[in-house]
Amino acid sequence: MDLLTEITILVLAAFVGLEVISKVPNTLHTPLMSATNAIHGIVLLGGLLIIAESEGVFNKVILVIAIAFGTINVVGGFLVTDRMLGMFKRRPDPKKPDGEAK
């Protein structure tokens, strides 16, 4: 494929992705986020396998940067998911002072 075709596919994929994600209801956001994080973990594993086979300093530097950004994405995604799930946990009832009637 030539460069123009690849750029066209990238732009169309970004547009379709944006349209699909914007239509996701709030109740499905957390499960989709967890699934995306799991898939991205597989991508990180692939990056680690590729870096072992890569040759040249430039390729290794680009792969290290990609793995670092991917790791940040996975960790941040799990933190956001955990925080969102924490919103659904029941908070303990506040303690009443001893002098008040129940």
PDB file of N, CA and C in Angstrom:
ATOM      1  N   MET A   1       0.841  -1.186   0.000  1.00  0.00           N
ATOM      2  CA  MET A   1       0.000   0.000   0.000  1.00  0.00           C
ATOM      3  C   MET A   1       0.885   1.249   0.000  1.00  0.00           C
ATOM      4  N   ASP A   2       0.401   2.259  -0.639  1.00  0.00           N
ATOM      5  CA  ASP A   2       1.164   3.498  -0.623  1.00  0.00           C
ATOM      6  C   ASP A   2       0.776   4.343   0.594  1.00  0.00           C
ATOM      7  N   LEU A   3       1.539   5.383   0.831  1.00  0.00           N
ATOM      8  CA  LEU A   3       1.381   6.211   2.029  1.00  0.00           C
ATOM      9  C   LEU A   3       0.005   6.878   2.078  1.00  0.00           C
ATOM     10  N   LEU A   4      -0.490   7.337   0.952  1.00  0.00           N
ATOM     11  CA  LEU A   4      -1.789   8.020   0.929  1.00  0.00           C
ATOM     12  C   LEU A   4      -2.918   7.074   1.345  1.00  0.00           C
ATOM     13  N   THR A   5      -2.866   5.830   0.900  1.00  0.00           N
ATOM     14  CA  THR A   5      -3.880   4.848   1.293  1.00  0.00           C
ATOM     15  C   THR A   5      -3.817   4.573   2.783  1.00  0.00           C
ATOM     16  N   GLU A   6      -2.615   4.429   3.326  1.00  0.00           N
ATOM     17  CA  GLU A   6      -2.461   4.171   4.754  1.00  0.00           C
ATOM     18  C   GLU A   6      -2.956   5.340   5.598  1.00  0.00           C
ATOM     19  N   ILE A   7      -2.675   6.562   5.182  1.00  0.00           N
ATOM     20  CA  ILE A   7      -3.152   7.745   5.914  1.00  0.00           C
ATOM     21  C   ILE A   7      -4.681   7.825   5.836  1.00  0.00           C
ATOM     22  N   THR A   8      -5.262   7.504   4.685  1.00  0.00           N
ATOM     23  CA  THR A   8      -6.719   7.508   4.529  1.00  0.00           C
ATOM     24  C   THR A   8      -7.359   6.490   5.469  1.00  0.00           C
ATOM     25  N   ILE A   9      -6.788   5.295   5.545  1.00  0.00           N
ATOM     26  CA  ILE A   9      -7.313   4.267   6.451  1.00  0.00           C
ATOM     27  C   ILE A   9      -7.215   4.731   7.903  1.00  0.00           C
ATOM     28  N   LEU A  10      -6.100   5.351   8.269  1.00  0.00           N
ATOM     29  CA  LEU A  10      -5.916   5.853   9.633  1.00  0.00           C
ATOM     30  C   LEU A  10      -6.965   6.903   9.977  1.00  0.00           C
ATOM     31  N   VAL A  11      -7.199   7.847   9.086  1.00  0.00           N
ATOM     32  CA  VAL A  11      -8.175   8.908   9.341  1.00  0.00           C
ATOM     33  C   VAL A  11      -9.590   8.328   9.430  1.00  0.00           C
ATOM     34  N   LEU A  12      -9.939   7.418   8.532  1.00  0.00           N
ATOM     35  CA  LEU A  12     -11.267   6.796   8.581  1.00  0.00           C
ATOM     36  C   LEU A  12     -11.454   5.978   9.851  1.00  0.00           C
ATOM     37  N   ALA A  13     -10.418   5.245  10.262  1.00  0.00           N
ATOM     38  CA  ALA A  13     -10.511   4.456  11.497  1.00  0.00           C
ATOM     39  C   ALA A  13     -10.681   5.368  12.708  1.00  0.00           C
ATOM     40  N   ALA A  14      -9.976   6.488  12.735  1.00  0.00           N
ATOM     41  CA  ALA A  14     -10.112   7.435  13.840  1.00  0.00           C
ATOM     42  C   ALA A  14     -11.522   8.016  13.876  1.00  0.00           C
ATOM     43  N   PHE A  15     -12.071   8.355  12.715  1.00  0.00           N
ATOM     44  CA  PHE A  15     -13.426   8.911  12.653  1.00  0.00           C
ATOM     45  C   PHE A  15     -14.461   7.885  13.106  1.00  0.00           C
ATOM     46  N   VAL A  16     -14.364   6.660  12.614  1.00  0.00           N
ATOM     47  CA  VAL A  16     -15.309   5.610  13.005  1.00  0.00           C
ATOM     48  C   VAL A  16     -15.183   5.322  14.503  1.00  0.00           C
ATOM     49  N   GLY A  17     -13.964   5.254  15.013  1.00  0.00           N
ATOM     50  CA  GLY A  17     -13.757   5.022  16.441  1.00  0.00           C
ATOM     51  C   GLY A  17     -14.375   6.109  17.289  1.00  0.00           C
ATOM     52  N   LEU A  18     -14.194   7.353  16.888  1.00  0.00           N
ATOM     53  CA  LEU A  18     -14.773   8.475  17.626  1.00  0.00           C
ATOM     54  C   LEU A  18     -16.301   8.393  17.626  1.00  0.00           C
ATOM     55  N   GLU A  19     -16.881   8.069  16.500  1.00  0.00           N
ATOM     56  CA  GLU A  19     -18.340   7.969  16.408  1.00  0.00           C
ATOM     57  C   GLU A  19     -18.873   6.816  17.259  1.00  0.00           C
ATOM     58  N   VAL A  20     -18.191   5.691  17.248  1.00  0.00           N
ATOM     59  CA  VAL A  20     -18.649   4.534  18.025  1.00  0.00           C
ATOM     60  C   VAL A  20     -18.535   4.811  19.521  1.00  0.00           C
ATOM     61  N   ILE A  21     -17.402   5.355  19.952  1.00  0.00           N
ATOM     62  CA  ILE A  21     -17.180   5.623  21.379  1.00  0.00           C
ATOM     63  C   ILE A  21     -18.134   6.690  21.892  1.00  0.00           C
ATOM     64  N   SER A  22     -18.449   7.683  21.078  1.00  0.00           N
ATOM     65  CA  SER A  22     -19.349   8.751  21.548  1.00  0.00           C
ATOM     66  C   SER A  22     -20.777   8.250  21.754  1.00  0.00           C
ATOM     67  N   LYS A  23     -21.127   7.121  21.158  1.00  0.00           N
ATOM     68  CA  LYS A  23     -22.476   6.577  21.292  1.00  0.00           C
ATOM     69  C   LYS A  23     -22.610   5.578  22.445  1.00  0.00           C
ATOM     70  N   VAL A  24     -21.529   5.297  23.164  1.00  0.00           N
ATOM     71  CA  VAL A  24     -21.562   4.314  24.254  1.00  0.00           C
ATOM     72  C   VAL A  24     -22.240   4.941  25.470  1.00  0.00           C
ATOM     73  N   PRO A  25     -23.275   4.288  26.022  1.00  0.00           N
ATOM     74  CA  PRO A  25     -23.915   4.836  27.224  1.00  0.00           C
ATOM     75  C   PRO A  25     -22.993   4.730  28.441  1.00  0.00           C
ATOM     76  N   ASN A  26     -23.262   5.570  29.429  1.00  0.00           N
ATOM     77  CA  ASN A  26     -22.415   5.615  30.621  1.00  0.00           C
ATOM     78  C   ASN A  26     -22.360   4.278  31.357  1.00  0.00           C
ATOM     79  N   THR A  27     -23.438   3.512  31.323  1.00  0.00           N
ATOM     80  CA  THR A  27     -23.459   2.242  32.051  1.00  0.00           C
ATOM     81  C   THR A  27     -22.512   1.208  31.451  1.00  0.00           C
ATOM     82  N   LEU A  28     -22.164   1.357  30.184  1.00  0.00           N
ATOM     83  CA  LEU A  28     -21.256   0.406  29.543  1.00  0.00           C
ATOM     84  C   LEU A  28     -19.807   0.873  29.524  1.00  0.00           C
ATOM     85  N   HIS A  29     -19.553   2.082  29.992  1.00  0.00           N
ATOM     86  CA  HIS A  29     -18.198   2.623  29.892  1.00  0.00           C
ATOM     87  C   HIS A  29     -17.192   1.807  30.694  1.00  0.00           C
ATOM     88  N   THR A  30     -17.512   1.446  31.921  1.00  0.00           N
ATOM     89  CA  THR A  30     -16.563   0.730  32.775  1.00  0.00           C
ATOM     90  C   THR A  30     -16.234  -0.656  32.237  1.00  0.00           C
ATOM     91  N   PRO A  31     -17.201  -1.478  31.828  1.00  0.00           N
ATOM     92  CA  PRO A  31     -16.824  -2.779  31.270  1.00  0.00           C
ATOM     93  C   PRO A  31     -16.004  -2.667  29.986  1.00  0.00           C
ATOM     94  N   LEU A  32     -16.336  -1.694  29.138  1.00  0.00           N
ATOM     95  CA  LEU A  32     -15.559  -1.512  27.912  1.00  0.00           C
ATOM     96  C   LEU A  32     -14.146  -1.051  28.217  1.00  0.00           C
ATOM     97  N   MET A  33     -13.997  -0.210  29.231  1.00  0.00           N
ATOM     98  CA  MET A  33     -12.675   0.275  29.623  1.00  0.00           C
ATOM     99  C   MET A  33     -11.821  -0.890  30.129  1.00  0.00           C
ATOM    100  N   SER A  34     -12.409  -1.779  30.910  1.00  0.00           N
ATOM    101  CA  SER A  34     -11.673  -2.932  31.418  1.00  0.00           C
ATOM    102  C   SER A  34     -11.244  -3.852  30.283  1.00  0.00           C
ATOM    103  N   ALA A  35     -12.126  -4.076  29.333  1.00  0.00           N
ATOM    104  CA  ALA A  35     -11.778  -4.928  28.190  1.00  0.00           C
ATOM    105  C   ALA A  35     -10.685  -4.294  27.347  1.00  0.00           C
ATOM    106  N   THR A  36     -10.757  -2.987  27.150  1.00  0.00           N
ATOM    107  CA  THR A  36      -9.729  -2.297  26.382  1.00  0.00           C
ATOM    108  C   THR A  36      -8.383  -2.381  27.079  1.00  0.00           C
ATOM    109  N   ASN A  37      -8.366  -2.259  28.397  1.00  0.00           N
ATOM    110  CA  ASN A  37      -7.109  -2.380  29.131  1.00  0.00           C
ATOM    111  C   ASN A  37      -6.514  -3.774  28.990  1.00  0.00           C
ATOM    112  N   ALA A  38      -7.355  -4.793  29.011  1.00  0.00           N
ATOM    113  CA  ALA A  38      -6.862  -6.159  28.850  1.00  0.00           C
ATOM    114  C   ALA A  38      -6.268  -6.360  27.455  1.00  0.00           C
ATOM    115  N   ILE A  39      -6.934  -5.823  26.443  1.00  0.00           N
ATOM    116  CA  ILE A  39      -6.416  -5.934  25.072  1.00  0.00           C
ATOM    117  C   ILE A  39      -5.099  -5.178  24.947  1.00  0.00           C
ATOM    118  N   HIS A  40      -5.017  -4.010  25.570  1.00  0.00           N
ATOM    119  CA  HIS A  40      -3.786  -3.232  25.480  1.00  0.00           C
ATOM    120  C   HIS A  40      -2.636  -3.935  26.204  1.00  0.00           C
ATOM    121  N   GLY A  41      -2.956  -4.718  27.224  1.00  0.00           N
ATOM    122  CA  GLY A  41      -1.916  -5.522  27.877  1.00  0.00           C
ATOM    123  C   GLY A  41      -1.316  -6.535  26.913  1.00  0.00           C
ATOM    124  N   ILE A  42      -2.141  -7.098  26.038  1.00  0.00           N
ATOM    125  CA  ILE A  42      -1.647  -8.025  25.022  1.00  0.00           C
ATOM    126  C   ILE A  42      -0.758  -7.287  24.025  1.00  0.00           C
ATOM    127  N   VAL A  43      -1.134  -6.074  23.675  1.00  0.00           N
ATOM    128  CA  VAL A  43      -0.313  -5.257  22.779  1.00  0.00           C
ATOM    129  C   VAL A  43       1.052  -4.990  23.412  1.00  0.00           C
ATOM    130  N   LEU A  44       1.068  -4.711  24.722  1.00  0.00           N
ATOM    131  CA  LEU A  44       2.346  -4.496  25.405  1.00  0.00           C
ATOM    132  C   LEU A  44       3.219  -5.744  25.363  1.00  0.00           C
ATOM    133  N   LEU A  45       2.630  -6.895  25.545  1.00  0.00           N
ATOM    134  CA  LEU A  45       3.377  -8.144  25.463  1.00  0.00           C
ATOM    135  C   LEU A  45       3.978  -8.313  24.067  1.00  0.00           C
ATOM    136  N   GLY A  46       3.200  -7.990  23.048  1.00  0.00           N
ATOM    137  CA  GLY A  46       3.725  -8.038  21.679  1.00  0.00           C
ATOM    138  C   GLY A  46       4.879  -7.079  21.481  1.00  0.00           C
ATOM    139  N   GLY A  47       4.782  -5.879  22.048  1.00  0.00           N
ATOM    140  CA  GLY A  47       5.880  -4.917  21.952  1.00  0.00           C
ATOM    141  C   GLY A  47       7.145  -5.424  22.624  1.00  0.00           C
ATOM    142  N   LEU A  48       6.984  -6.097  23.750  1.00  0.00           N
ATOM    143  CA  LEU A  48       8.145  -6.656  24.437  1.00  0.00           C
ATOM    144  C   LEU A  48       8.780  -7.785  23.626  1.00  0.00           C
ATOM    145  N   LEU A  49       7.949  -8.579  22.961  1.00  0.00           N
ATOM    146  CA  LEU A  49       8.492  -9.644  22.119  1.00  0.00           C
ATOM    147  C   LEU A  49       9.198  -9.081  20.891  1.00  0.00           C
ATOM    148  N   ILE A  50       8.655  -8.024  20.322  1.00  0.00           N
ATOM    149  CA  ILE A  50       9.262  -7.421  19.130  1.00  0.00           C
ATOM    150  C   ILE A  50      10.577  -6.734  19.466  1.00  0.00           C
ATOM    151  N   ILE A  51      10.659  -6.111  20.643  1.00  0.00           N
ATOM    152  CA  ILE A  51      11.889  -5.392  20.986  1.00  0.00           C
ATOM    153  C   ILE A  51      13.073  -6.359  21.117  1.00  0.00           C
ATOM    154  N   ALA A  52      12.797  -7.602  21.477  1.00  0.00           N
ATOM    155  CA  ALA A  52      13.873  -8.587  21.573  1.00  0.00           C
ATOM    156  C   ALA A  52      14.432  -8.924  20.190  1.00  0.00           C
ATOM    157  N   GLU A  53      13.601  -8.852  19.170  1.00  0.00           N
ATOM    158  CA  GLU A  53      14.026  -9.201  17.808  1.00  0.00           C
ATOM    159  C   GLU A  53      14.494  -7.995  16.997  1.00  0.00           C
ATOM    160  N   SER A  54      14.264  -6.777  17.500  1.00  0.00           N
ATOM    161  CA  SER A  54      14.556  -5.587  16.699  1.00  0.00           C
ATOM    162  C   SER A  54      16.062  -5.348  16.601  1.00  0.00           C
ATOM    163  N   GLU A  55      16.434  -4.687  15.511  1.00  0.00           N
ATOM    164  CA  GLU A  55      17.829  -4.338  15.291  1.00  0.00           C
ATOM    165  C   GLU A  55      17.928  -2.833  15.094  1.00  0.00           C
ATOM    166  N   GLY A  56      18.971  -2.249  15.561  1.00  0.00           N
ATOM    167  CA  GLY A  56      19.196  -0.823  15.385  1.00  0.00           C
ATOM    168  C   GLY A  56      18.726  -0.026  16.587  1.00  0.00           C
ATOM    169  N   VAL A  57      19.460   1.038  16.844  1.00  0.00           N
ATOM    170  CA  VAL A  57      19.167   1.875  18.004  1.00  0.00           C
ATOM    171  C   VAL A  57      17.842   2.606  17.831  1.00  0.00           C
ATOM    172  N   PHE A  58      17.574   3.109  16.615  1.00  0.00           N
ATOM    173  CA  PHE A  58      16.340   3.864  16.377  1.00  0.00           C
ATOM    174  C   PHE A  58      15.105   3.001  16.653  1.00  0.00           C
ATOM    175  N   ASN A  59      15.112   1.776  16.135  1.00  0.00           N
ATOM    176  CA  ASN A  59      13.969   0.883  16.358  1.00  0.00           C
ATOM    177  C   ASN A  59      13.776   0.591  17.836  1.00  0.00           C
ATOM    178  N   LYS A  60      14.838   0.361  18.560  1.00  0.00           N
ATOM    179  CA  LYS A  60      14.728   0.062  19.990  1.00  0.00           C
ATOM    180  C   LYS A  60      14.208   1.269  20.771  1.00  0.00           C
ATOM    181  N   VAL A  61      14.666   2.468  20.414  1.00  0.00           N
ATOM    182  CA  VAL A  61      14.206   3.676  21.104  1.00  0.00           C
ATOM    183  C   VAL A  61      12.707   3.885  20.859  1.00  0.00           C
ATOM    184  N   ILE A  62      12.277   3.744  19.612  1.00  0.00           N
ATOM    185  CA  ILE A  62      10.849   3.902  19.297  1.00  0.00           C
ATOM    186  C   ILE A  62      10.017   2.856  20.039  1.00  0.00           C
ATOM    187  N   LEU A  63      10.500   1.619  20.099  1.00  0.00           N
ATOM    188  CA  LEU A  63       9.764   0.571  20.811  1.00  0.00           C
ATOM    189  C   LEU A  63       9.708   0.835  22.312  1.00  0.00           C
ATOM    190  N   VAL A  64      10.792   1.329  22.890  1.00  0.00           N
ATOM    191  CA  VAL A  64      10.790   1.651  24.324  1.00  0.00           C
ATOM    192  C   VAL A  64       9.776   2.760  24.614  1.00  0.00           C
ATOM    193  N   ILE A  65       9.745   3.769  23.751  1.00  0.00           N
ATOM    194  CA  ILE A  65       8.779   4.856  23.932  1.00  0.00           C
ATOM    195  C   ILE A  65       7.351   4.329  23.806  1.00  0.00           C
ATOM    196  N   ALA A  66       7.106   3.464  22.803  1.00  0.00           N
ATOM    197  CA  ALA A  66       5.773   2.899  22.615  1.00  0.00           C
ATOM    198  C   ALA A  66       5.365   2.032  23.807  1.00  0.00           C
ATOM    199  N   ILE A  67       6.280   1.244  24.328  1.00  0.00           N
ATOM    200  CA  ILE A  67       5.981   0.398  25.485  1.00  0.00           C
ATOM    201  C   ILE A  67       5.717   1.255  26.720  1.00  0.00           C
ATOM    202  N   ALA A  68       6.479   2.337  26.889  1.00  0.00           N
ATOM    203  CA  ALA A  68       6.261   3.221  28.038  1.00  0.00           C
ATOM    204  C   ALA A  68       4.883   3.877  27.961  1.00  0.00           C
ATOM    205  N   PHE A  69       4.517   4.401  26.788  1.00  0.00           N
ATOM    206  CA  PHE A  69       3.197   5.016  26.639  1.00  0.00           C
ATOM    207  C   PHE A  69       2.083   3.994  26.815  1.00  0.00           C
ATOM    208  N   GLY A  70       2.285   2.796  26.292  1.00  0.00           N
ATOM    209  CA  GLY A  70       1.290   1.746  26.463  1.00  0.00           C
ATOM    210  C   GLY A  70       1.109   1.364  27.922  1.00  0.00           C
ATOM    211  N   THR A  71       2.218   1.297  28.652  1.00  0.00           N
ATOM    212  CA  THR A  71       2.139   0.974  30.078  1.00  0.00           C
ATOM    213  C   THR A  71       1.394   2.061  30.843  1.00  0.00           C
ATOM    214  N   ILE A  72       1.688   3.307  30.524  1.00  0.00           N
ATOM    215  CA  ILE A  72       0.979   4.420  31.160  1.00  0.00           C
ATOM    216  C   ILE A  72      -0.515   4.332  30.865  1.00  0.00           C
ATOM    217  N   ASN A  73      -0.863   3.974  29.637  1.00  0.00           N
ATOM    218  CA  ASN A  73      -2.268   3.849  29.249  1.00  0.00           C
ATOM    219  C   ASN A  73      -2.965   2.734  30.025  1.00  0.00           C
ATOM    220  N   VAL A  74      -2.310   1.589  30.154  1.00  0.00           N
ATOM    221  CA  VAL A  74      -2.921   0.465  30.868  1.00  0.00           C
ATOM    222  C   VAL A  74      -3.102   0.792  32.347  1.00  0.00           C
ATOM    223  N   VAL A  75      -2.049   1.301  32.980  1.00  0.00           N
ATOM    224  CA  VAL A  75      -2.121   1.610  34.416  1.00  0.00           C
ATOM    225  C   VAL A  75      -3.156   2.703  34.670  1.00  0.00           C
ATOM    226  N   GLY A  76      -3.128   3.746  33.867  1.00  0.00           N
ATOM    227  CA  GLY A  76      -4.105   4.825  34.021  1.00  0.00           C
ATOM    228  C   GLY A  76      -5.522   4.344  33.795  1.00  0.00           C
ATOM    229  N   GLY A  77      -5.709   3.473  32.823  1.00  0.00           N
ATOM    230  CA  GLY A  77      -7.042   2.931  32.554  1.00  0.00           C
ATOM    231  C   GLY A  77      -7.572   2.110  33.715  1.00  0.00           C
ATOM    232  N   PHE A  78      -6.709   1.278  34.302  1.00  0.00           N
ATOM    233  CA  PHE A  78      -7.159   0.492  35.450  1.00  0.00           C
ATOM    234  C   PHE A  78      -7.436   1.384  36.661  1.00  0.00           C
ATOM    235  N   LEU A  79      -6.664   2.450  36.836  1.00  0.00           N
ATOM    236  CA  LEU A  79      -6.931   3.372  37.946  1.00  0.00           C
ATOM    237  C   LEU A  79      -8.268   4.080  37.758  1.00  0.00           C
ATOM    238  N   VAL A  80      -8.542   4.505  36.532  1.00  0.00           N
ATOM    239  CA  VAL A  80      -9.823   5.167  36.261  1.00  0.00           C
ATOM    240  C   VAL A  80     -10.976   4.190  36.458  1.00  0.00           C
ATOM    241  N   THR A  81     -10.808   2.956  35.984  1.00  0.00           N
ATOM    242  CA  THR A  81     -11.855   1.948  36.156  1.00  0.00           C
ATOM    243  C   THR A  81     -12.109   1.675  37.630  1.00  0.00           C
ATOM    244  N   ASP A  82     -11.031   1.552  38.411  1.00  0.00           N
ATOM    245  CA  ASP A  82     -11.181   1.319  39.847  1.00  0.00           C
ATOM    246  C   ASP A  82     -11.900   2.481  40.521  1.00  0.00           C
ATOM    247  N   ARG A  83     -11.560   3.682  40.122  1.00  0.00           N
ATOM    248  CA  ARG A  83     -12.218   4.855  40.708  1.00  0.00           C
ATOM    249  C   ARG A  83     -13.696   4.902  40.347  1.00  0.00           C
ATOM    250  N   MET A  84     -14.013   4.551  39.095  1.00  0.00           N
ATOM    251  CA  MET A  84     -15.418   4.545  38.679  1.00  0.00           C
ATOM    252  C   MET A  84     -16.201   3.469  39.420  1.00  0.00           C
ATOM    253  N   LEU A  85     -15.601   2.298  39.603  1.00  0.00           N
ATOM    254  CA  LEU A  85     -16.290   1.246  40.345  1.00  0.00           C
ATOM    255  C   LEU A  85     -16.442   1.617  41.815  1.00  0.00           C
ATOM    256  N   GLY A  86     -15.518   2.402  42.343  1.00  0.00           N
ATOM    257  CA  GLY A  86     -15.613   2.864  43.723  1.00  0.00           C
ATOM    258  C   GLY A  86     -16.810   3.766  43.958  1.00  0.00           C
ATOM    259  N   MET A  87     -17.294   4.397  42.913  1.00  0.00           N
ATOM    260  CA  MET A  87     -18.464   5.260  43.044  1.00  0.00           C
ATOM    261  C   MET A  87     -19.723   4.448  43.347  1.00  0.00           C
ATOM    262  N   PHE A  88     -19.715   3.157  43.018  1.00  0.00           N
ATOM    263  CA  PHE A  88     -20.889   2.323  43.239  1.00  0.00           C
ATOM    264  C   PHE A  88     -20.865   1.598  44.579  1.00  0.00           C
ATOM    265  N   LYS A  89     -19.780   1.709  45.313  1.00  0.00           N
ATOM    266  CA  LYS A  89     -19.696   1.042  46.616  1.00  0.00           C
ATOM    267  C   LYS A  89     -20.510   1.811  47.643  1.00  0.00           C
ATOM    268  N   ARG A  90     -21.123   1.079  48.542  1.00  0.00           N
ATOM    269  CA  ARG A  90     -21.917   1.699  49.597  1.00  0.00           C
ATOM    270  C   ARG A  90     -20.970   2.254  50.660  1.00  0.00           C
ATOM    271  N   ARG A  91     -21.197   3.478  51.018  1.00  0.00           N
ATOM    272  CA  ARG A  91     -20.392   4.112  52.062  1.00  0.00           C
ATOM    273  C   ARG A  91     -20.967   3.757  53.420  1.00  0.00           C
ATOM    274  N   PRO A  92     -20.111   3.608  54.422  1.00  0.00           N
ATOM    275  CA  PRO A  92     -20.637   3.299  55.761  1.00  0.00           C
ATOM    276  C   PRO A  92     -21.454   4.467  56.304  1.00  0.00           C
ATOM    277  N   ASP A  93     -22.471   4.132  57.108  1.00  0.00           N
ATOM    278  CA  ASP A  93     -23.295   5.167  57.721  1.00  0.00           C
ATOM    279  C   ASP A  93     -22.454   5.975  58.697  1.00  0.00           C
ATOM    280  N   PRO A  94     -22.650   7.289  58.720  1.00  0.00           N
ATOM    281  CA  PRO A  94     -21.869   8.105  59.659  1.00  0.00           C
ATOM    282  C   PRO A  94     -22.270   7.781  61.104  1.00  0.00           C
ATOM    283  N   LYS A  95     -21.294   7.810  61.979  1.00  0.00           N
ATOM    284  CA  LYS A  95     -21.540   7.522  63.403  1.00  0.00           C
ATOM    285  C   LYS A  95     -22.289   8.694  64.016  1.00  0.00           C
ATOM    286  N   LYS A  96     -23.303   8.366  64.843  1.00  0.00           N
ATOM    287  CA  LYS A  96     -24.043   9.397  65.553  1.00  0.00           C
ATOM    288  C   LYS A  96     -23.426   9.586  66.934  1.00  0.00           C
ATOM    289  N   PRO A  97     -23.431  10.820  67.407  1.00  0.00           N
ATOM    290  CA  PRO A  97     -22.921  11.038  68.794  1.00  0.00           C
ATOM    291  C   PRO A  97     -23.745  10.264  69.803  1.00  0.00           C
ATOM    292  N   ASP A  98     -23.155   9.932  70.958  1.00  0.00           N
ATOM    293  CA  ASP A  98     -23.815   9.127  71.978  1.00  0.00           C
ATOM    294  C   ASP A  98     -25.073   9.773  72.545  1.00  0.00           C
ATOM    295  N   GLY A  99     -25.156  11.079  72.565  1.00  0.00           N
ATOM    296  CA  GLY A  99     -26.274  11.764  73.193  1.00  0.00           C
ATOM    297  C   GLY A  99     -27.529  11.779  72.331  1.00  0.00           C
ATOM    298  N   GLU A 100     -27.452  11.465  71.047  1.00  0.00           N
ATOM    299  CA  GLU A 100     -28.630  11.556  70.183  1.00  0.00           C
ATOM    300  C   GLU A 100     -29.437  10.271  70.231  1.00  0.00           C
ATOM    301  N   ALA A 101     -30.729  10.442  70.058  1.00  0.00           N
ATOM    302  CA  ALA A 101     -31.610   9.263  70.009  1.00  0.00           C
ATOM    303  C   ALA A 101     -31.527   8.657  68.608  1.00  0.00           C
ATOM    304  N   LYS A 102     -31.718   7.359  68.550  1.00  0.00           N
ATOM    305  CA  LYS A 102     -31.630   6.669  67.260  1.00  0.00           C
ATOM    306  C   LYS A 102     -32.960   6.636  66.561  1.00  0.00           C
TER     307      LYS A 102
END
